[in-house]
Structures are given as structure tokens and as C-alpha cells.
Amino acid sequence: MFEEPLDAEQVFGHHVGMSRTPVRRRRAVILLVAVSATAVLTGPVASALARHGGRSPAAERTYVVQPGDTVWSIAARNDGGRDPRLEVDAIIRRNGLQDARILPGQALVVPLAA
């Protein structure tokens, strides 16, 4: 009954020289595919955000400059509690102004805060 001694390492028929390399390779390939797919899928999104400054296209309105108005005061009224410097730049760019000088009666296109 007990003629052959049991070898604890051979009980389930595993070979001593067994390698885990195929499992590691498979995991590495799956990780590489996942990272590549993520890069491919997020690339267009990142470039679109970079093109639009991370903001969605906002609606615009026309504002007629009143006496005493400045681009800063118009932007501060319209900025939704954010830093008005971004709105000042947007107003100057959108209206093709050389600087922040405006005149009463001048019509400005003002982007609405999102």
C-alpha cells in the first residue's frame, strides 16, 4: 500500500520546470491593448478640447456700449462669477479690437457665460 513515497511537489502532476511566462505575456499584451485603445479613443476628444479651449461653444449676444462702460466692466457683468480676464480676451478677440478701447454706441458681440 505504501510502497511509493509521495512527493509533495508532484502530487498534482506539476512539473518542476513549469514557467509562468505565458501568463505574464498574456497579461502584458492585454495591458498594452487596453492602453493603446484608450489612447486611440481619447485622442480625438483631447484634440477637440484643445481646439476649443476646453469650453463648449457658447451663445453670443450683441451689447451696445453705454457711456462709462469698459471691456472689463462688460466682462465682469457677463462672467458668471469667474475670472473676467478670460471674458475680456474673448470680447477683444471676437470683435477684432486692437486693445480694450471702446466707444459709447459701439455694438459688441459678447459671448454668454456657460
Protein backbone atom coordinates (compact mmCIF):
# COMPACT_ATOMS: atom_id res chain seq x y z
CA MET A 1 0.00 0.00 0.00
CA PHE A 2 2.80 2.46 0.84
CA GLU A 3 5.48 1.19 -1.49
CA GLU A 4 5.98 4.50 -3.30
CA PRO A 5 6.73 7.63 -1.24
CA LEU A 6 4.58 10.65 -2.03
CA ASP A 7 6.39 13.71 -3.28
CA ALA A 8 4.53 16.83 -2.14
CA GLU A 9 5.60 18.78 -5.21
CA GLN A 10 4.43 16.12 -7.66
CA VAL A 11 1.03 15.35 -6.15
CA PHE A 12 -0.99 17.03 -8.87
CA GLY A 13 1.31 16.21 -11.75
CA HIS A 14 3.02 19.61 -11.99
CA HIS A 15 6.44 19.63 -13.48
CA VAL A 16 9.26 21.32 -11.61
CA GLY A 17 10.36 23.34 -14.68
CA MET A 18 6.94 24.90 -15.24
CA SER A 19 7.12 28.54 -16.27
CA ARG A 20 4.64 31.35 -15.74
CA THR A 21 5.91 33.25 -18.77
CA PRO A 22 2.83 32.63 -20.99
CA VAL A 23 0.55 34.08 -18.31
CA ARG A 24 2.76 37.14 -17.89
CA ARG A 25 2.98 37.64 -21.64
CA ARG A 26 -0.79 37.39 -21.98
CA ARG A 27 -1.30 39.97 -19.22
CA ALA A 28 1.28 42.29 -20.80
CA VAL A 29 -0.43 42.02 -24.20
CA ILE A 30 -3.86 42.72 -22.67
CA LEU A 31 -2.48 45.74 -20.83
CA LEU A 32 -0.80 47.03 -23.99
CA VAL A 33 -4.02 46.64 -26.00
CA ALA A 34 -6.04 48.42 -23.29
CA VAL A 35 -3.61 51.34 -23.11
CA SER A 36 -3.50 51.62 -26.91
CA ALA A 37 -7.29 51.55 -27.20
CA THR A 38 -7.59 54.22 -24.52
CA ALA A 39 -5.08 56.43 -26.31
CA VAL A 40 -6.84 55.99 -29.66
CA LEU A 41 -10.28 56.70 -28.23
CA THR A 42 -9.29 59.71 -26.11
CA GLY A 43 -7.04 61.33 -28.71
CA PRO A 44 -9.86 62.99 -30.71
CA VAL A 45 -11.53 64.19 -27.51
CA ALA A 46 -8.31 65.75 -26.22
CA SER A 47 -7.61 67.49 -29.53
CA ALA A 48 -11.18 68.84 -29.70
CA LEU A 49 -10.87 70.22 -26.18
CA ALA A 50 -7.53 71.81 -27.05
CA ARG A 51 -9.02 73.42 -30.17
CA HIS A 52 -11.97 74.90 -28.29
CA GLY A 53 -10.10 75.81 -25.12
CA GLY A 54 -11.97 73.21 -23.09
CA ARG A 55 -15.22 75.15 -23.32
CA SER A 56 -18.29 74.27 -25.27
CA PRO A 57 -19.36 76.75 -27.92
CA ALA A 58 -21.31 79.43 -26.09
CA ALA A 59 -24.15 81.55 -27.34
CA GLU A 60 -23.49 85.19 -28.10
CA ARG A 61 -25.41 88.41 -27.75
CA THR A 62 -24.92 91.93 -29.01
CA TYR A 63 -24.30 94.64 -26.43
CA VAL A 64 -24.36 98.37 -27.18
CA VAL A 65 -21.67 100.19 -25.20
CA GLN A 66 -23.03 102.79 -22.76
CA PRO A 67 -21.12 105.84 -21.50
CA GLY A 68 -18.73 104.76 -18.73
CA ASP A 69 -18.58 101.11 -19.86
CA THR A 70 -15.24 99.36 -20.21
CA VAL A 71 -14.49 95.95 -21.67
CA TRP A 72 -13.63 94.87 -18.12
CA SER A 73 -16.99 96.02 -16.69
CA ILE A 74 -18.90 94.32 -19.52
CA ALA A 75 -16.92 91.10 -18.99
CA ALA A 76 -17.36 91.23 -15.21
CA ARG A 77 -21.12 91.56 -15.65
CA ASN A 78 -21.12 88.58 -18.01
CA ASP A 79 -18.50 86.23 -16.49
CA GLY A 80 -20.78 84.19 -14.22
CA GLY A 81 -18.52 84.65 -11.17
CA ARG A 82 -15.33 83.53 -12.91
CA ASP A 83 -12.18 85.49 -13.63
CA PRO A 84 -13.20 88.33 -16.01
CA ARG A 85 -9.79 88.32 -17.76
CA LEU A 86 -10.86 85.34 -19.88
CA GLU A 87 -14.05 87.14 -20.90
CA VAL A 88 -12.12 90.36 -21.67
CA ASP A 89 -9.83 88.40 -24.00
CA ALA A 90 -12.82 86.69 -25.63
CA ILE A 91 -14.61 90.00 -26.24
CA ILE A 92 -11.49 91.63 -27.70
CA ARG A 93 -10.80 88.60 -29.96
CA ARG A 94 -14.42 88.16 -31.07
CA ASN A 95 -14.80 91.83 -32.03
CA GLY A 96 -11.37 92.21 -33.64
CA LEU A 97 -10.35 95.02 -31.29
CA GLN A 98 -6.70 96.10 -31.19
CA ASP A 99 -6.94 96.89 -27.46
CA ALA A 100 -9.63 97.38 -24.83
CA ARG A 101 -10.70 100.87 -26.01
CA ILE A 102 -14.39 101.09 -26.83
CA LEU A 103 -16.75 103.98 -27.58
CA PRO A 104 -20.32 104.65 -26.41
CA GLY A 105 -22.80 103.43 -29.02
CA GLN A 106 -20.41 100.78 -30.32
CA ALA A 107 -22.02 97.35 -30.76
CA LEU A 108 -20.01 94.45 -29.31
CA VAL A 109 -20.61 90.74 -29.70
CA VAL A 110 -20.34 89.33 -26.18
CA PRO A 111 -20.10 85.57 -25.59
CA LEU A 112 -22.59 84.43 -22.95
CA ALA A 113 -21.09 82.76 -19.90
CA ALA A 114 -21.69 78.99 -19.86
